[in-house]
Amino acid sequence: MITWRRLREDDFPLLRTWLQQPHVARWWHHETSLEAVTRDFGPAARGEEPSEDLLVLLDGRPLGLVQRSRLGDYPDYLAEIAAITPVPEGAVTIDYLIGDAEQTGHGIGTRMIRTIVEHTWPEMPDATCVVVPVQAANRASWRALEKAGLRRVAEGELEPDNPADDRAHYIYRVDRPARGVA
């Protein structure tokens, strides 16, 4: 069963370990000192940032991280995406990682994404859709999005997380299900 809770500061050593893993570092390109992790994830953990950093658990054991936020809370990022594809008011975005490389390639990422998206609707009643930009070269990530029910709506250039990557990105989207549809 996939569950989650808000990331806490006592989770930072584990997150740091995950960010150091080659399969995560390739796409997240994040400083991994404890000071950097605290600096970058501390505000959300303390509720000072509008985004949510969620520690994802598989059968009660830490699996990965999902960052979920309203795009409207980050106007520069929203503008960058909106230059490529229309972004409705109320759009939410997610980013995600699986910390243990042995847990990848088994459909768990797809389950994680699908579960978070399904819970976004009741947890964020004003959310109209989930929009996810993904580096075009990150095939495993965009395939997981597709298998989780998101559809590719655009291709364009965005600032990459890793400066080694080009700017090519795909943008995926899933809309809030219509209410009352059986």
C-alpha atoms as a PDB file:
ATOM      1  CA  MET A   1       0.000   0.000   0.000  1.00  0.00           C
ATOM      2  CA  ILE A   2       1.284   3.453  -0.887  1.00  0.00           C
ATOM      3  CA  THR A   3       0.831   6.163   1.742  1.00  0.00           C
ATOM      4  CA  TRP A   4       2.611   9.415   2.544  1.00  0.00           C
ATOM      5  CA  ARG A   5       3.140  12.077   5.093  1.00  0.00           C
ATOM      6  CA  ARG A   6       4.759  15.461   5.077  1.00  0.00           C
ATOM      7  CA  LEU A   7       8.548  15.350   5.002  1.00  0.00           C
ATOM      8  CA  ARG A   8      10.088  16.249   8.379  1.00  0.00           C
ATOM      9  CA  GLU A   9      13.529  17.523   9.214  1.00  0.00           C
ATOM     10  CA  ASP A  10      14.444  14.182  10.786  1.00  0.00           C
ATOM     11  CA  ASP A  11      13.909  12.677   7.288  1.00  0.00           C
ATOM     12  CA  PHE A  12      16.658  14.838   5.777  1.00  0.00           C
ATOM     13  CA  PRO A  13      19.488  12.302   6.271  1.00  0.00           C
ATOM     14  CA  LEU A  14      17.448   9.712   4.341  1.00  0.00           C
ATOM     15  CA  LEU A  15      16.569  12.235   1.628  1.00  0.00           C
ATOM     16  CA  ARG A  16      20.231  13.191   1.400  1.00  0.00           C
ATOM     17  CA  THR A  17      21.130   9.522   0.847  1.00  0.00           C
ATOM     18  CA  TRP A  18      18.524   9.264  -1.902  1.00  0.00           C
ATOM     19  CA  LEU A  19      19.730  12.442  -3.623  1.00  0.00           C
ATOM     20  CA  GLN A  20      23.224  10.918  -3.723  1.00  0.00           C
ATOM     21  CA  GLN A  21      22.070   7.783  -5.564  1.00  0.00           C
ATOM     22  CA  PRO A  22      23.158   7.855  -9.226  1.00  0.00           C
ATOM     23  CA  HIS A  23      19.648   7.141 -10.564  1.00  0.00           C
ATOM     24  CA  VAL A  24      18.290  10.128  -8.587  1.00  0.00           C
ATOM     25  CA  ALA A  25      21.282  12.463  -8.946  1.00  0.00           C
ATOM     26  CA  ARG A  26      21.095  12.110 -12.730  1.00  0.00           C
ATOM     27  CA  TRP A  27      17.721  13.886 -12.849  1.00  0.00           C
ATOM     28  CA  TRP A  28      17.526  15.866  -9.604  1.00  0.00           C
ATOM     29  CA  HIS A  29      21.061  17.362  -9.723  1.00  0.00           C
ATOM     30  CA  HIS A  30      20.865  18.613  -6.163  1.00  0.00           C
ATOM     31  CA  GLU A  31      23.507  19.558  -3.630  1.00  0.00           C
ATOM     32  CA  THR A  32      23.680  16.728  -1.121  1.00  0.00           C
ATOM     33  CA  SER A  33      25.289  18.227   1.946  1.00  0.00           C
ATOM     34  CA  LEU A  34      22.997  18.111   4.957  1.00  0.00           C
ATOM     35  CA  GLU A  35      23.151  21.908   5.005  1.00  0.00           C
ATOM     36  CA  ALA A  36      21.912  22.109   1.391  1.00  0.00           C
ATOM     37  CA  VAL A  37      19.129  19.602   1.977  1.00  0.00           C
ATOM     38  CA  THR A  38      18.054  21.508   5.085  1.00  0.00           C
ATOM     39  CA  ARG A  39      18.207  24.824   3.215  1.00  0.00           C
ATOM     40  CA  ASP A  40      16.173  23.576   0.257  1.00  0.00           C
ATOM     41  CA  PHE A  41      13.650  21.274   1.938  1.00  0.00           C
ATOM     42  CA  GLY A  42      13.405  22.884   5.379  1.00  0.00           C
ATOM     43  CA  PRO A  43      10.940  25.661   4.479  1.00  0.00           C
ATOM     44  CA  ALA A  44       8.359  23.200   3.097  1.00  0.00           C
ATOM     45  CA  ALA A  45       8.889  20.820   6.031  1.00  0.00           C
ATOM     46  CA  ARG A  46       8.229  23.698   8.433  1.00  0.00           C
ATOM     47  CA  GLY A  47       5.166  24.880   6.482  1.00  0.00           C
ATOM     48  CA  GLU A  48       6.863  28.132   5.447  1.00  0.00           C
ATOM     49  CA  GLU A  49       6.644  27.265   1.743  1.00  0.00           C
ATOM     50  CA  PRO A  50       3.365  26.691  -0.119  1.00  0.00           C
ATOM     51  CA  SER A  51       4.559  23.418  -1.675  1.00  0.00           C
ATOM     52  CA  GLU A  52       4.254  20.006  -0.069  1.00  0.00           C
ATOM     53  CA  ASP A  53       7.216  17.670   0.198  1.00  0.00           C
ATOM     54  CA  LEU A  54       5.735  14.256   0.846  1.00  0.00           C
ATOM     55  CA  LEU A  55       7.665  11.245   2.094  1.00  0.00           C
ATOM     56  CA  VAL A  56       6.090   8.333   0.239  1.00  0.00           C
ATOM     57  CA  LEU A  57       5.883   4.979   1.997  1.00  0.00           C
ATOM     58  CA  LEU A  58       5.387   1.536   0.479  1.00  0.00           C
ATOM     59  CA  ASP A  59       3.877  -0.847   3.021  1.00  0.00           C
ATOM     60  CA  GLY A  60       5.052   1.521   5.762  1.00  0.00           C
ATOM     61  CA  ARG A  61       8.679   1.748   4.553  1.00  0.00           C
ATOM     62  CA  PRO A  62      10.141   4.904   2.971  1.00  0.00           C
ATOM     63  CA  LEU A  63      10.046   4.654  -0.816  1.00  0.00           C
ATOM     64  CA  GLY A  64      10.535   8.114  -2.229  1.00  0.00           C
ATOM     65  CA  LEU A  65       9.561  11.738  -2.355  1.00  0.00           C
ATOM     66  CA  VAL A  66       6.796  13.618  -4.119  1.00  0.00           C
ATOM     67  CA  GLN A  67       6.778  17.393  -4.286  1.00  0.00           C
ATOM     68  CA  ARG A  68       3.295  18.764  -4.950  1.00  0.00           C
ATOM     69  CA  SER A  69       2.438  22.408  -5.438  1.00  0.00           C
ATOM     70  CA  ARG A  70      -0.005  24.782  -7.044  1.00  0.00           C
ATOM     71  CA  LEU A  71       1.630  26.314 -10.090  1.00  0.00           C
ATOM     72  CA  GLY A  72       0.016  29.653  -9.219  1.00  0.00           C
ATOM     73  CA  ASP A  73       2.230  29.805  -6.123  1.00  0.00           C
ATOM     74  CA  TYR A  74       5.299  29.885  -8.407  1.00  0.00           C
ATOM     75  CA  PRO A  75       4.541  32.537 -11.065  1.00  0.00           C
ATOM     76  CA  ASP A  76       7.915  32.342 -12.825  1.00  0.00           C
ATOM     77  CA  TYR A  77       7.647  28.575 -13.284  1.00  0.00           C
ATOM     78  CA  LEU A  78       3.998  28.916 -14.319  1.00  0.00           C
ATOM     79  CA  ALA A  79       4.965  31.505 -16.955  1.00  0.00           C
ATOM     80  CA  GLU A  80       7.706  29.251 -18.305  1.00  0.00           C
ATOM     81  CA  ILE A  81       5.258  26.365 -18.754  1.00  0.00           C
ATOM     82  CA  ALA A  82       2.436  28.617 -20.019  1.00  0.00           C
ATOM     83  CA  ALA A  83       4.735  29.799 -22.813  1.00  0.00           C
ATOM     84  CA  ILE A  84       4.571  26.226 -24.168  1.00  0.00           C
ATOM     85  CA  THR A  85       1.012  25.117 -23.354  1.00  0.00           C
ATOM     86  CA  PRO A  86      -2.105  26.639 -21.796  1.00  0.00           C
ATOM     87  CA  VAL A  87      -2.161  26.151 -18.030  1.00  0.00           C
ATOM     88  CA  PRO A  88      -5.596  26.471 -16.411  1.00  0.00           C
ATOM     89  CA  GLU A  89      -6.043  28.358 -13.177  1.00  0.00           C
ATOM     90  CA  GLY A  90      -5.847  25.883 -10.306  1.00  0.00           C
ATOM     91  CA  ALA A  91      -3.208  23.695 -11.981  1.00  0.00           C
ATOM     92  CA  VAL A  92      -1.046  21.583  -9.676  1.00  0.00           C
ATOM     93  CA  THR A  93       2.346  20.103 -10.479  1.00  0.00           C
ATOM     94  CA  ILE A  94       4.312  17.222  -9.017  1.00  0.00           C
ATOM     95  CA  ASP A  95       7.896  16.062  -9.049  1.00  0.00           C
ATOM     96  CA  TYR A  96       8.948  12.698  -7.708  1.00  0.00           C
ATOM     97  CA  LEU A  97      11.734  10.257  -7.041  1.00  0.00           C
ATOM     98  CA  ILE A  98      12.161   6.698  -5.853  1.00  0.00           C
ATOM     99  CA  GLY A  99      15.105   6.539  -3.465  1.00  0.00           C
ATOM    100  CA  ASP A 100      16.194   2.905  -3.830  1.00  0.00           C
ATOM    101  CA  ALA A 101      17.293   1.925  -7.350  1.00  0.00           C
ATOM    102  CA  GLU A 102      16.133  -1.656  -6.693  1.00  0.00           C
ATOM    103  CA  GLN A 103      12.554  -0.354  -6.404  1.00  0.00           C
ATOM    104  CA  THR A 104      12.654   1.153  -9.899  1.00  0.00           C
ATOM    105  CA  GLY A 105      11.517  -0.588 -13.054  1.00  0.00           C
ATOM    106  CA  HIS A 106       8.740  -2.572 -11.337  1.00  0.00           C
ATOM    107  CA  GLY A 107       5.773  -0.223 -11.831  1.00  0.00           C
ATOM    108  CA  ILE A 108       6.005   1.237  -8.337  1.00  0.00           C
ATOM    109  CA  GLY A 109       6.656   4.745  -9.677  1.00  0.00           C
ATOM    110  CA  THR A 110       3.514   4.508 -11.787  1.00  0.00           C
ATOM    111  CA  ARG A 111       1.519   3.420  -8.731  1.00  0.00           C
ATOM    112  CA  MET A 112       3.021   6.248  -6.686  1.00  0.00           C
ATOM    113  CA  ILE A 113       2.139   8.869  -9.312  1.00  0.00           C
ATOM    114  CA  ARG A 114      -1.372   7.473  -9.877  1.00  0.00           C
ATOM    115  CA  THR A 115      -2.082   7.387  -6.135  1.00  0.00           C
ATOM    116  CA  ILE A 116      -0.854  10.935  -5.523  1.00  0.00           C
ATOM    117  CA  VAL A 117      -2.868  12.247  -8.482  1.00  0.00           C
ATOM    118  CA  GLU A 118      -6.034  10.443  -7.334  1.00  0.00           C
ATOM    119  CA  HIS A 119      -5.640  11.923  -3.849  1.00  0.00           C
ATOM    120  CA  THR A 120      -4.922  15.400  -5.197  1.00  0.00           C
ATOM    121  CA  TRP A 121      -8.583  15.874  -6.137  1.00  0.00           C
ATOM    122  CA  PRO A 122     -10.054  15.504  -2.618  1.00  0.00           C
ATOM    123  CA  GLU A 123      -6.989  16.962  -0.870  1.00  0.00           C
ATOM    124  CA  MET A 124      -6.867  20.043  -3.115  1.00  0.00           C
ATOM    125  CA  PRO A 125     -10.508  20.765  -4.026  1.00  0.00           C
ATOM    126  CA  ASP A 126      -9.564  23.801  -6.139  1.00  0.00           C
ATOM    127  CA  ALA A 127      -7.123  21.794  -8.303  1.00  0.00           C
ATOM    128  CA  THR A 128      -8.272  21.715 -11.921  1.00  0.00           C
ATOM    129  CA  CYS A 129      -5.525  19.513 -13.358  1.00  0.00           C
ATOM    130  CA  VAL A 130      -2.059  18.127 -12.711  1.00  0.00           C
ATOM    131  CA  VAL A 131       0.615  19.381 -15.123  1.00  0.00           C
ATOM    132  CA  VAL A 132       4.034  17.717 -15.109  1.00  0.00           C
ATOM    133  CA  PRO A 133       7.018  18.885 -17.171  1.00  0.00           C
ATOM    134  CA  VAL A 134       9.594  16.139 -17.635  1.00  0.00           C
ATOM    135  CA  GLN A 135      12.981  16.119 -19.301  1.00  0.00           C
ATOM    136  CA  ALA A 136      12.472  14.522 -22.739  1.00  0.00           C
ATOM    137  CA  ALA A 137      15.512  12.294 -22.224  1.00  0.00           C
ATOM    138  CA  ASN A 138      14.035  10.836 -19.008  1.00  0.00           C
ATOM    139  CA  ARG A 139      12.081   8.071 -20.730  1.00  0.00           C
ATOM    140  CA  ALA A 140      11.421   6.101 -17.524  1.00  0.00           C
ATOM    141  CA  SER A 141       9.782   9.146 -15.950  1.00  0.00           C
ATOM    142  CA  TRP A 142       7.535  10.082 -18.845  1.00  0.00           C
ATOM    143  CA  ARG A 143       6.552   6.455 -19.397  1.00  0.00           C
ATOM    144  CA  ALA A 144       5.514   6.231 -15.721  1.00  0.00           C
ATOM    145  CA  LEU A 145       3.384   9.358 -16.211  1.00  0.00           C
ATOM    146  CA  GLU A 146       1.713   7.820 -19.268  1.00  0.00           C
ATOM    147  CA  LYS A 147       1.031   4.552 -17.463  1.00  0.00           C
ATOM    148  CA  ALA A 148      -0.426   6.563 -14.547  1.00  0.00           C
ATOM    149  CA  GLY A 149      -2.955   8.138 -16.906  1.00  0.00           C
ATOM    150  CA  LEU A 150      -1.380  11.456 -17.827  1.00  0.00           C
ATOM    151  CA  ARG A 151      -1.230  12.456 -21.483  1.00  0.00           C
ATOM    152  CA  ARG A 152       1.457  14.357 -23.309  1.00  0.00           C
ATOM    153  CA  VAL A 153       0.033  17.756 -24.233  1.00  0.00           C
ATOM    154  CA  ALA A 154       3.109  19.664 -25.382  1.00  0.00           C
ATOM    155  CA  GLU A 155       6.801  19.634 -26.162  1.00  0.00           C
ATOM    156  CA  GLY A 156       9.057  22.599 -25.643  1.00  0.00           C
ATOM    157  CA  GLU A 157      12.112  24.092 -24.059  1.00  0.00           C
ATOM    158  CA  LEU A 158      12.367  24.601 -20.310  1.00  0.00           C
ATOM    159  CA  GLU A 159      15.326  25.212 -18.039  1.00  0.00           C
ATOM    160  CA  PRO A 160      16.697  21.741 -17.181  1.00  0.00           C
ATOM    161  CA  ASP A 161      17.303  20.664 -13.579  1.00  0.00           C
ATOM    162  CA  ASN A 162      20.662  19.286 -14.639  1.00  0.00           C
ATOM    163  CA  PRO A 163      22.819  21.729 -16.626  1.00  0.00           C
ATOM    164  CA  ALA A 164      24.214  18.737 -18.542  1.00  0.00           C
ATOM    165  CA  ASP A 165      20.785  18.251 -20.172  1.00  0.00           C
ATOM    166  CA  ASP A 166      19.362  20.129 -23.110  1.00  0.00           C
ATOM    167  CA  ARG A 167      16.172  22.162 -22.739  1.00  0.00           C
ATOM    168  CA  ALA A 168      13.845  19.631 -24.430  1.00  0.00           C
ATOM    169  CA  HIS A 169      10.888  18.754 -22.222  1.00  0.00           C
ATOM    170  CA  TYR A 170       7.546  17.017 -22.571  1.00  0.00           C
ATOM    171  CA  ILE A 171       4.585  18.328 -20.648  1.00  0.00           C
ATOM    172  CA  TYR A 172       2.019  15.891 -19.328  1.00  0.00           C
ATOM    173  CA  ARG A 173      -1.437  16.645 -17.962  1.00  0.00           C
ATOM    174  CA  VAL A 174      -4.445  14.991 -16.403  1.00  0.00           C
ATOM    175  CA  ASP A 175      -7.636  16.906 -15.684  1.00  0.00           C
ATOM    176  CA  ARG A 176      -9.837  16.623 -12.622  1.00  0.00           C
ATOM    177  CA  PRO A 177     -12.443  13.935 -13.294  1.00  0.00           C
ATOM    178  CA  ALA A 178     -15.923  15.271 -13.912  1.00  0.00           C
ATOM    179  CA  ARG A 179     -17.987  15.228 -10.738  1.00  0.00           C
ATOM    180  CA  GLY A 180     -20.845  12.748 -10.638  1.00  0.00           C
ATOM    181  CA  VAL A 181     -19.554  10.681 -13.545  1.00  0.00           C
ATOM    182  CA  ALA A 182     -19.937   6.974 -12.856  1.00  0.00           C
END
